[in-house]
Amino acid sequence: MMTLEAIEAEIQKLPSQELAKLRRWFDNFFADTWDTKIEADAALGKFDNFAKEALAEYEAGKAIEI
């Protein structure tokens, strides 16, 4: 396995087009990882209290239309 320092050194050697491709890949990788984490947290009910609070505020007329 490569060290982070070795990966960083290799990235610095990339031509601009390859660096752009890496950036797009990493952006997609990060977004997919984030989506998976959010979906897992939602399935575990970690957002249930937030949803209850929001619905209670809405039903109490405290919501502001945007």
C-alpha atoms as a PDB file:
ATOM      1  CA  MET A   1       0.000   0.000   0.000  1.00  0.00           C
ATOM      2  CA  MET A   2       1.253   3.468  -0.867  1.00  0.00           C
ATOM      3  CA  THR A   3       1.660   6.128   1.766  1.00  0.00           C
ATOM      4  CA  LEU A   4      -0.266   9.363   1.556  1.00  0.00           C
ATOM      5  CA  GLU A   5       2.979  11.198   0.900  1.00  0.00           C
ATOM      6  CA  ALA A   6       3.729   8.937  -2.089  1.00  0.00           C
ATOM      7  CA  ILE A   7       0.230   9.470  -3.484  1.00  0.00           C
ATOM      8  CA  GLU A   8       0.565  13.240  -3.064  1.00  0.00           C
ATOM      9  CA  ALA A   9       3.911  13.192  -4.877  1.00  0.00           C
ATOM     10  CA  GLU A  10       2.423  11.241  -7.781  1.00  0.00           C
ATOM     11  CA  ILE A  11      -0.573  13.584  -7.997  1.00  0.00           C
ATOM     12  CA  GLN A  12       1.761  16.566  -8.243  1.00  0.00           C
ATOM     13  CA  LYS A  13       3.337  14.978 -11.325  1.00  0.00           C
ATOM     14  CA  LEU A  14       0.046  14.675 -13.223  1.00  0.00           C
ATOM     15  CA  PRO A  15      -0.550  16.790 -16.315  1.00  0.00           C
ATOM     16  CA  SER A  16      -3.458  19.205 -16.005  1.00  0.00           C
ATOM     17  CA  GLN A  17      -5.894  17.033 -18.000  1.00  0.00           C
ATOM     18  CA  GLU A  18      -5.191  14.001 -15.828  1.00  0.00           C
ATOM     19  CA  LEU A  19      -5.479  16.134 -12.702  1.00  0.00           C
ATOM     20  CA  ALA A  20      -8.899  17.329 -13.875  1.00  0.00           C
ATOM     21  CA  LYS A  21      -9.975  13.704 -14.431  1.00  0.00           C
ATOM     22  CA  LEU A  22      -8.738  12.808 -10.936  1.00  0.00           C
ATOM     23  CA  ARG A  23     -10.652  15.710  -9.439  1.00  0.00           C
ATOM     24  CA  ARG A  24     -13.883  14.602 -11.139  1.00  0.00           C
ATOM     25  CA  TRP A  25     -13.317  11.029  -9.980  1.00  0.00           C
ATOM     26  CA  PHE A  26     -12.636  12.149  -6.403  1.00  0.00           C
ATOM     27  CA  ASP A  27     -15.665  14.449  -6.368  1.00  0.00           C
ATOM     28  CA  ASN A  28     -17.877  11.537  -7.452  1.00  0.00           C
ATOM     29  CA  PHE A  29     -16.196   9.174  -4.983  1.00  0.00           C
ATOM     30  CA  PHE A  30     -16.698  11.630  -2.114  1.00  0.00           C
ATOM     31  CA  ALA A  31     -20.331  12.296  -3.091  1.00  0.00           C
ATOM     32  CA  ASP A  32     -21.091   8.574  -3.269  1.00  0.00           C
ATOM     33  CA  THR A  33     -19.439   7.989   0.113  1.00  0.00           C
ATOM     34  CA  TRP A  34     -21.436  10.868   1.618  1.00  0.00           C
ATOM     35  CA  ASP A  35     -24.705   9.568   0.143  1.00  0.00           C
ATOM     36  CA  THR A  36     -24.044   6.093   1.540  1.00  0.00           C
ATOM     37  CA  LYS A  37     -23.373   7.539   5.014  1.00  0.00           C
ATOM     38  CA  ILE A  38     -26.504   9.708   4.962  1.00  0.00           C
ATOM     39  CA  GLU A  39     -28.649   6.778   3.804  1.00  0.00           C
ATOM     40  CA  ALA A  40     -27.234   4.561   6.565  1.00  0.00           C
ATOM     41  CA  ASP A  41     -27.828   7.240   9.202  1.00  0.00           C
ATOM     42  CA  ALA A  42     -31.390   7.754   7.966  1.00  0.00           C
ATOM     43  CA  ALA A  43     -32.060   4.010   8.073  1.00  0.00           C
ATOM     44  CA  LEU A  44     -30.841   3.979  11.693  1.00  0.00           C
ATOM     45  CA  GLY A  45     -33.286   6.768  12.557  1.00  0.00           C
ATOM     46  CA  LYS A  46     -30.624   9.349  13.329  1.00  0.00           C
ATOM     47  CA  PHE A  47     -32.713  12.107  11.724  1.00  0.00           C
ATOM     48  CA  ASP A  48     -36.072  11.157  13.221  1.00  0.00           C
ATOM     49  CA  ASN A  49     -35.922  13.756  16.006  1.00  0.00           C
ATOM     50  CA  PHE A  50     -35.071  16.513  13.533  1.00  0.00           C
ATOM     51  CA  ALA A  51     -38.034  15.513  11.366  1.00  0.00           C
ATOM     52  CA  LYS A  52     -40.363  15.491  14.386  1.00  0.00           C
ATOM     53  CA  GLU A  53     -39.184  18.949  15.426  1.00  0.00           C
ATOM     54  CA  ALA A  54     -39.635  20.319  11.912  1.00  0.00           C
ATOM     55  CA  LEU A  55     -43.135  18.886  11.608  1.00  0.00           C
ATOM     56  CA  ALA A  56     -44.085  20.242  15.030  1.00  0.00           C
ATOM     57  CA  GLU A  57     -42.881  23.722  14.083  1.00  0.00           C
ATOM     58  CA  TYR A  58     -44.729  23.511  10.779  1.00  0.00           C
ATOM     59  CA  GLU A  59     -47.957  22.405  12.461  1.00  0.00           C
ATOM     60  CA  ALA A  60     -47.559  25.212  15.041  1.00  0.00           C
ATOM     61  CA  GLY A  61     -47.400  27.752  12.197  1.00  0.00           C
ATOM     62  CA  LYS A  62     -43.753  28.607  12.787  1.00  0.00           C
ATOM     63  CA  ALA A  63     -42.648  27.660   9.274  1.00  0.00           C
ATOM     64  CA  ILE A  64     -41.761  30.398   6.833  1.00  0.00           C
ATOM     65  CA  GLU A  65     -42.389  29.793   3.150  1.00  0.00           C
ATOM     66  CA  ILE A  66     -39.301  30.383   1.039  1.00  0.00           C
END
